[in-house]
Protein backbone atom coordinates (compact mmCIF):
# COMPACT_ATOMS: atom_id res chain seq x y z
CA UNK A 1 110.00 118.93 72.20
CA UNK A 2 113.66 119.26 71.05
CA UNK A 3 115.58 121.49 72.30
CA UNK A 4 117.60 124.59 70.45
CA UNK A 5 121.31 124.22 69.26
CA UNK A 6 123.17 127.17 71.18
CA UNK A 7 126.69 127.59 71.16
CA UNK A 8 128.40 126.80 74.80
CA UNK A 9 127.11 129.24 77.52
CA UNK A 10 130.13 131.12 79.68
CA UNK A 11 129.86 134.17 81.63
CA UNK A 12 132.15 136.05 79.59
CA UNK A 13 129.16 135.57 76.29
CA UNK A 14 126.20 136.52 78.91
CA UNK A 15 127.71 139.50 80.93
CA UNK A 16 124.19 140.32 83.05
CA UNK A 17 123.84 143.63 80.39
CA UNK A 18 123.31 141.11 77.66
CA UNK A 19 119.39 141.73 77.13
CA UNK A 20 117.81 138.42 77.78
CA UNK A 21 116.04 136.08 75.11
CA UNK A 22 112.73 137.01 73.64
CA UNK A 23 111.64 133.41 73.78
CA UNK A 24 111.04 131.07 76.28
CA UNK A 25 112.94 128.28 74.83
CA UNK A 26 115.84 130.28 74.43
CA UNK A 27 116.04 131.69 77.81
CA UNK A 28 115.16 128.11 78.62
CA UNK A 29 118.06 126.74 76.12
CA UNK A 30 120.66 129.51 77.31
CA UNK A 31 119.57 128.08 81.41
CA UNK A 32 120.44 124.51 80.59
CA UNK A 33 123.60 125.15 79.54
CA UNK A 34 124.43 127.79 82.30
CA UNK A 35 123.17 125.49 84.32
CA UNK A 36 125.04 122.62 82.69
CA UNK A 37 128.41 124.96 83.05
CA UNK A 38 127.96 126.00 86.69
CA UNK A 39 127.60 122.33 87.83
CA UNK A 40 131.29 121.66 85.97
CA UNK A 41 132.61 123.40 88.79
CA UNK A 42 135.36 124.72 86.63
CA UNK A 43 134.55 128.09 86.76
CA UNK A 44 136.16 130.55 89.23
CA UNK A 45 134.25 132.81 91.99
CA UNK A 46 133.57 135.05 90.77
CA UNK A 47 132.47 133.59 87.36
CA UNK A 48 130.03 131.86 89.31
CA UNK A 49 128.76 134.11 90.69
CA UNK A 50 127.88 136.13 87.82
CA UNK A 51 126.44 133.29 86.12
CA UNK A 52 124.40 132.10 89.12
CA UNK A 53 122.82 136.11 88.87
CA UNK A 54 122.36 135.85 84.87
CA UNK A 55 120.64 132.00 86.10
CA UNK A 56 118.27 133.64 88.16
CA UNK A 57 117.24 136.07 85.57
CA UNK A 58 116.26 133.54 83.42
CA UNK A 59 114.30 131.70 85.24
CA UNK A 60 112.57 134.11 86.27
CA UNK A 61 111.77 135.71 82.14
CA UNK A 62 110.16 131.66 82.01
CA UNK A 63 108.71 132.20 85.01
CA UNK A 64 106.80 135.39 83.22
CA UNK A 65 106.21 133.49 79.77
CA UNK A 66 105.09 130.54 81.68
CA UNK A 67 102.73 133.24 83.50
CA UNK A 68 101.51 134.83 80.69
CA UNK A 69 100.37 131.27 78.58
CA UNK A 70 98.56 130.29 82.13
CA UNK A 71 96.55 133.34 82.37
CA UNK A 72 95.49 133.13 78.82
CA UNK A 73 94.64 129.51 78.87
CA UNK A 74 92.26 130.56 81.90
CA UNK A 75 91.11 133.09 79.85
CA UNK A 76 89.78 131.16 77.10
CA UNK A 77 88.65 128.14 79.52
CA UNK A 78 85.87 130.84 81.14
CA UNK A 79 84.44 131.40 77.43
CA UNK A 80 86.23 134.85 77.15
CA UNK A 81 88.42 135.31 74.48
CA UNK A 82 91.08 138.13 74.76
CA UNK A 83 93.62 139.72 72.90
CA UNK A 84 97.29 138.03 74.28
CA UNK A 85 100.53 140.58 74.32
CA UNK A 86 103.49 138.30 74.70
CA UNK A 87 106.13 139.84 77.35
């Protein structure tokens, strides 16, 4: 699987009011960049907190999307096909 390339993430680019990415891959890519930036130790404390909060939002989005796929797989495994509406 290839990683999505995007511009480096800073908390200035991703305030808490920013919309979350539409795809799992987009959220995961932003989360990976954010974690690398947080781990660099080069952020002021207030930006660390904002970055942590954004990371929590991105993590929840990834978990929700994975859960939706898992639920669909369970439906398919039971021999029942339902329309899947991604969240």
